[in-house]
Amino acid sequence: MIKLILIIVVALAAIQHVDSIVCLPDTCDNVRCDNPTPETCCGPNKEIRNGFCGCCKICFTYLDEGEGFCPPIVRGGPPPTAGCKKGLKCKGGICSKV
C-alpha cells in the first residue's frame, strides 16, 4: 500500500514538472520583441509589464467590472495582456465582483 502511494506521488510530481513553464538562462536569446513604450501603451488602466520569462515587455490592460473580455489563463500559454482589476474576478469572460 505504501509503495502504491509513493508511486502515485512520484507520478503526480512528474506530471506537474512536465506541465510547467521553465525559463532557462538562454530562453530570451532568440526572442524578438516589440516592446511597448509609454506612447504606444497609454491610456487609463494600462501599464507596461514583463511578458513571458521577462524576455519582452507587454502592454497590460486592467478591466473594470462588467467590462470587456477577460481572457482565461491557459496553462502553458502566453501571459495574458488583459485582466480584471483588483477585487474583481473573471467569470464567464466578464469581470465581476468576487
N, C-alpha and C. Protein backbone atom coordinates (compact mmCIF):
# COMPACT_ATOMS: atom_id res chain seq x y z
N MET A 1 0.83 -1.20 0.00
CA MET A 1 0.00 0.00 0.00
C MET A 1 0.87 1.26 0.00
N ILE A 2 1.91 1.26 0.84
CA ILE A 2 2.80 2.42 0.90
C ILE A 2 3.53 2.59 -0.44
N LYS A 3 3.88 1.48 -1.07
CA LYS A 3 4.56 1.53 -2.36
C LYS A 3 3.65 2.16 -3.42
N LEU A 4 2.37 1.83 -3.41
CA LEU A 4 1.41 2.39 -4.35
C LEU A 4 1.27 3.90 -4.15
N ILE A 5 1.17 4.33 -2.91
CA ILE A 5 1.06 5.76 -2.60
C ILE A 5 2.31 6.50 -3.07
N LEU A 6 3.48 5.92 -2.85
CA LEU A 6 4.74 6.53 -3.28
C LEU A 6 4.78 6.65 -4.81
N ILE A 7 4.33 5.64 -5.51
CA ILE A 7 4.30 5.68 -6.98
C ILE A 7 3.36 6.79 -7.46
N ILE A 8 2.20 6.92 -6.83
CA ILE A 8 1.25 7.96 -7.22
C ILE A 8 1.83 9.35 -6.97
N VAL A 9 2.47 9.55 -5.84
CA VAL A 9 3.08 10.85 -5.52
C VAL A 9 4.16 11.20 -6.53
N VAL A 10 5.01 10.26 -6.86
CA VAL A 10 6.09 10.50 -7.83
C VAL A 10 5.50 10.80 -9.20
N ALA A 11 4.46 10.06 -9.60
CA ALA A 11 3.82 10.30 -10.90
C ALA A 11 3.20 11.69 -10.96
N LEU A 12 2.51 12.11 -9.91
CA LEU A 12 1.91 13.45 -9.88
C LEU A 12 2.97 14.54 -9.93
N ALA A 13 4.08 14.35 -9.22
CA ALA A 13 5.17 15.32 -9.25
C ALA A 13 5.77 15.42 -10.65
N ALA A 14 5.90 14.28 -11.34
CA ALA A 14 6.45 14.28 -12.70
C ALA A 14 5.51 14.99 -13.66
N ILE A 15 4.20 14.75 -13.53
CA ILE A 15 3.23 15.42 -14.40
C ILE A 15 3.29 16.93 -14.20
N GLN A 16 3.34 17.38 -12.96
CA GLN A 16 3.41 18.81 -12.67
C GLN A 16 4.68 19.41 -13.27
N HIS A 17 5.79 18.72 -13.15
CA HIS A 17 7.06 19.23 -13.67
C HIS A 17 7.02 19.36 -15.19
N VAL A 18 6.45 18.39 -15.88
CA VAL A 18 6.38 18.41 -17.34
C VAL A 18 5.45 19.50 -17.82
N ASP A 19 4.40 19.81 -17.08
CA ASP A 19 3.39 20.78 -17.49
C ASP A 19 3.78 22.22 -17.18
N SER A 20 4.84 22.43 -16.43
CA SER A 20 5.19 23.78 -16.04
C SER A 20 6.09 24.45 -17.07
N ILE A 21 6.07 25.78 -17.09
CA ILE A 21 6.92 26.55 -17.99
C ILE A 21 8.26 26.76 -17.30
N VAL A 22 9.31 26.46 -18.02
CA VAL A 22 10.65 26.62 -17.46
C VAL A 22 11.37 27.69 -18.26
N CYS A 23 11.87 28.70 -17.57
CA CYS A 23 12.63 29.76 -18.21
C CYS A 23 14.11 29.49 -17.96
N LEU A 24 14.79 29.05 -18.99
CA LEU A 24 16.22 28.77 -18.89
C LEU A 24 17.02 30.05 -19.07
N PRO A 25 18.28 30.06 -18.66
CA PRO A 25 19.08 31.29 -18.80
C PRO A 25 19.17 31.82 -20.23
N ASP A 26 19.09 30.93 -21.24
CA ASP A 26 19.20 31.38 -22.63
C ASP A 26 17.84 31.48 -23.33
N THR A 27 16.75 31.43 -22.59
CA THR A 27 15.41 31.47 -23.17
C THR A 27 15.20 32.71 -24.04
N CYS A 28 15.70 33.84 -23.61
CA CYS A 28 15.45 35.10 -24.31
C CYS A 28 16.44 35.39 -25.44
N ASP A 29 17.43 34.54 -25.62
CA ASP A 29 18.49 34.81 -26.60
C ASP A 29 17.97 35.00 -28.02
N ASN A 30 16.97 34.25 -28.43
CA ASN A 30 16.48 34.32 -29.81
C ASN A 30 15.08 34.89 -29.92
N VAL A 31 14.68 35.69 -28.94
CA VAL A 31 13.34 36.28 -28.94
C VAL A 31 13.42 37.70 -29.48
N ARG A 32 12.54 38.00 -30.45
CA ARG A 32 12.45 39.37 -30.97
C ARG A 32 11.26 40.03 -30.29
N CYS A 33 11.48 41.22 -29.78
CA CYS A 33 10.44 41.91 -29.02
C CYS A 33 9.95 43.16 -29.71
N ASP A 34 8.67 43.41 -29.58
CA ASP A 34 8.06 44.69 -29.95
C ASP A 34 7.69 45.37 -28.64
N ASN A 35 8.71 45.78 -27.90
CA ASN A 35 8.45 46.34 -26.57
C ASN A 35 7.63 47.62 -26.66
N PRO A 36 6.53 47.68 -25.90
CA PRO A 36 5.71 48.90 -25.92
C PRO A 36 6.44 50.05 -25.22
N THR A 37 6.06 51.24 -25.59
CA THR A 37 6.60 52.45 -24.96
C THR A 37 5.43 53.15 -24.27
N PRO A 38 5.71 54.11 -23.41
CA PRO A 38 4.59 54.86 -22.80
C PRO A 38 3.68 55.50 -23.84
N GLU A 39 4.21 55.82 -25.02
CA GLU A 39 3.39 56.41 -26.08
C GLU A 39 2.47 55.38 -26.73
N THR A 40 2.93 54.14 -26.88
CA THR A 40 2.11 53.11 -27.53
C THR A 40 1.23 52.36 -26.53
N CYS A 41 1.55 52.44 -25.26
CA CYS A 41 0.76 51.76 -24.22
C CYS A 41 0.27 52.83 -23.26
N CYS A 42 -0.61 53.67 -23.77
CA CYS A 42 -1.08 54.77 -22.94
C CYS A 42 -2.58 54.67 -22.75
N GLY A 43 -3.07 55.39 -21.80
CA GLY A 43 -4.49 55.39 -21.54
C GLY A 43 -4.76 54.90 -20.13
N PRO A 44 -6.01 55.06 -19.71
CA PRO A 44 -6.35 54.63 -18.36
C PRO A 44 -6.29 53.11 -18.25
N ASN A 45 -5.95 52.64 -17.09
CA ASN A 45 -5.94 51.21 -16.78
C ASN A 45 -4.91 50.41 -17.58
N LYS A 46 -3.84 51.04 -18.02
CA LYS A 46 -2.80 50.33 -18.76
C LYS A 46 -1.46 50.52 -18.08
N GLU A 47 -0.63 49.47 -18.17
CA GLU A 47 0.73 49.59 -17.67
C GLU A 47 1.63 48.63 -18.44
N ILE A 48 2.89 48.96 -18.47
CA ILE A 48 3.87 48.11 -19.12
C ILE A 48 4.37 47.10 -18.09
N ARG A 49 4.29 45.81 -18.45
CA ARG A 49 4.70 44.74 -17.56
C ARG A 49 5.62 43.78 -18.29
N ASN A 50 6.26 42.88 -17.52
CA ASN A 50 7.08 41.83 -18.11
C ASN A 50 6.19 40.78 -18.75
N GLY A 51 6.61 40.27 -19.88
CA GLY A 51 5.92 39.18 -20.56
C GLY A 51 6.53 37.84 -20.20
N PHE A 52 6.40 36.88 -21.08
CA PHE A 52 6.87 35.52 -20.88
C PHE A 52 8.36 35.48 -20.53
N CYS A 53 8.67 34.92 -19.41
CA CYS A 53 10.04 34.75 -18.90
C CYS A 53 10.78 36.09 -18.75
N GLY A 54 10.06 37.20 -18.86
CA GLY A 54 10.71 38.51 -18.73
C GLY A 54 11.51 38.90 -19.96
N CYS A 55 11.33 38.17 -21.08
CA CYS A 55 12.09 38.46 -22.30
C CYS A 55 11.67 39.79 -22.90
N CYS A 56 10.38 40.03 -22.95
CA CYS A 56 9.85 41.23 -23.58
C CYS A 56 8.87 41.91 -22.63
N LYS A 57 8.59 43.15 -22.91
CA LYS A 57 7.58 43.90 -22.17
C LYS A 57 6.26 43.78 -22.92
N ILE A 58 5.15 43.84 -22.18
CA ILE A 58 3.82 43.83 -22.79
C ILE A 58 3.01 45.00 -22.25
N CYS A 59 2.01 45.40 -23.00
CA CYS A 59 1.08 46.43 -22.55
C CYS A 59 -0.11 45.71 -21.93
N PHE A 60 -0.27 45.82 -20.61
CA PHE A 60 -1.32 45.12 -19.88
C PHE A 60 -2.46 46.08 -19.59
N THR A 61 -3.70 45.63 -19.82
CA THR A 61 -4.89 46.44 -19.57
C THR A 61 -5.68 45.85 -18.41
N TYR A 62 -5.99 46.69 -17.42
CA TYR A 62 -6.83 46.28 -16.29
C TYR A 62 -8.27 46.59 -16.62
N LEU A 63 -9.13 45.57 -16.51
CA LEU A 63 -10.54 45.71 -16.88
C LEU A 63 -11.41 46.01 -15.66
N ASP A 64 -12.41 46.89 -15.84
CA ASP A 64 -13.36 47.24 -14.79
C ASP A 64 -14.48 46.20 -14.72
N GLU A 65 -15.31 46.32 -13.71
CA GLU A 65 -16.44 45.41 -13.53
C GLU A 65 -17.36 45.46 -14.74
N GLY A 66 -17.73 44.29 -15.25
CA GLY A 66 -18.62 44.18 -16.40
C GLY A 66 -17.98 44.52 -17.73
N GLU A 67 -16.70 44.78 -17.71
CA GLU A 67 -16.03 45.26 -18.91
C GLU A 67 -15.36 44.14 -19.69
N GLY A 68 -15.39 44.30 -20.99
CA GLY A 68 -14.58 43.55 -21.93
C GLY A 68 -14.52 42.05 -21.73
N PHE A 69 -13.62 41.47 -22.44
CA PHE A 69 -13.40 40.03 -22.36
C PHE A 69 -12.12 39.78 -21.59
N CYS A 70 -12.24 39.19 -20.42
CA CYS A 70 -11.04 38.83 -19.67
C CYS A 70 -10.63 37.43 -20.12
N PRO A 71 -9.47 37.34 -20.75
CA PRO A 71 -9.07 36.04 -21.30
C PRO A 71 -8.72 35.05 -20.19
N PRO A 72 -9.08 33.79 -20.40
CA PRO A 72 -8.71 32.79 -19.40
C PRO A 72 -7.21 32.55 -19.43
N ILE A 73 -6.64 32.19 -18.30
CA ILE A 73 -5.22 31.88 -18.25
C ILE A 73 -5.06 30.44 -18.71
N VAL A 74 -4.33 30.27 -19.80
CA VAL A 74 -4.14 28.95 -20.39
C VAL A 74 -2.83 28.39 -19.89
N ARG A 75 -2.90 27.22 -19.29
CA ARG A 75 -1.69 26.58 -18.78
C ARG A 75 -0.73 26.31 -19.91
N GLY A 76 0.48 26.82 -19.78
CA GLY A 76 1.48 26.62 -20.81
C GLY A 76 1.38 27.63 -21.94
N GLY A 77 0.38 28.52 -21.88
CA GLY A 77 0.21 29.52 -22.93
C GLY A 77 0.93 30.81 -22.57
N PRO A 78 0.82 31.78 -23.43
CA PRO A 78 1.48 33.06 -23.17
C PRO A 78 0.77 33.81 -22.04
N PRO A 79 1.47 34.73 -21.42
CA PRO A 79 0.82 35.51 -20.36
C PRO A 79 -0.26 36.40 -20.96
N PRO A 80 -1.35 36.62 -20.24
CA PRO A 80 -2.44 37.45 -20.78
C PRO A 80 -2.01 38.91 -20.87
N THR A 81 -2.65 39.65 -21.77
CA THR A 81 -2.38 41.07 -21.92
C THR A 81 -3.49 41.91 -21.31
N ALA A 82 -4.49 41.25 -20.72
CA ALA A 82 -5.58 41.96 -20.03
C ALA A 82 -6.06 41.09 -18.88
N GLY A 83 -6.60 41.75 -17.86
CA GLY A 83 -7.13 41.03 -16.72
C GLY A 83 -7.96 41.96 -15.85
N CYS A 84 -8.67 41.38 -14.94
CA CYS A 84 -9.57 42.15 -14.07
C CYS A 84 -8.78 42.96 -13.04
N LYS A 85 -9.34 44.12 -12.69
CA LYS A 85 -8.74 44.95 -11.64
C LYS A 85 -8.81 44.22 -10.30
N LYS A 86 -8.03 44.70 -9.35
CA LYS A 86 -8.00 44.11 -8.02
C LYS A 86 -9.42 44.11 -7.42
N GLY A 87 -9.78 42.99 -6.80
CA GLY A 87 -11.11 42.86 -6.20
C GLY A 87 -12.15 42.29 -7.15
N LEU A 88 -11.77 42.11 -8.42
CA LEU A 88 -12.68 41.54 -9.41
C LEU A 88 -12.15 40.18 -9.86
N LYS A 89 -13.03 39.35 -10.37
CA LYS A 89 -12.65 38.02 -10.83
C LYS A 89 -13.31 37.78 -12.19
N CYS A 90 -12.62 37.06 -13.04
CA CYS A 90 -13.14 36.74 -14.37
C CYS A 90 -14.12 35.59 -14.27
N LYS A 91 -15.38 35.85 -14.60
CA LYS A 91 -16.42 34.82 -14.59
C LYS A 91 -17.13 34.84 -15.93
N GLY A 92 -17.00 33.76 -16.67
CA GLY A 92 -17.65 33.70 -17.99
C GLY A 92 -17.13 34.74 -18.96
N GLY A 93 -15.88 35.14 -18.81
CA GLY A 93 -15.28 36.11 -19.72
C GLY A 93 -15.55 37.56 -19.35
N ILE A 94 -16.27 37.81 -18.27
CA ILE A 94 -16.60 39.17 -17.83
C ILE A 94 -16.07 39.37 -16.41
N CYS A 95 -15.51 40.55 -16.15
CA CYS A 95 -15.02 40.85 -14.80
C CYS A 95 -16.20 41.18 -13.88
N SER A 96 -16.22 40.52 -12.74
CA SER A 96 -17.29 40.78 -11.77
C SER A 96 -16.73 40.72 -10.36
N LYS A 97 -17.52 41.25 -9.41
CA LYS A 97 -17.07 41.27 -8.02
C LYS A 97 -16.93 39.86 -7.50
N VAL A 98 -15.96 39.69 -6.62
CA VAL A 98 -15.66 38.37 -6.06
C VAL A 98 -16.77 37.82 -5.25
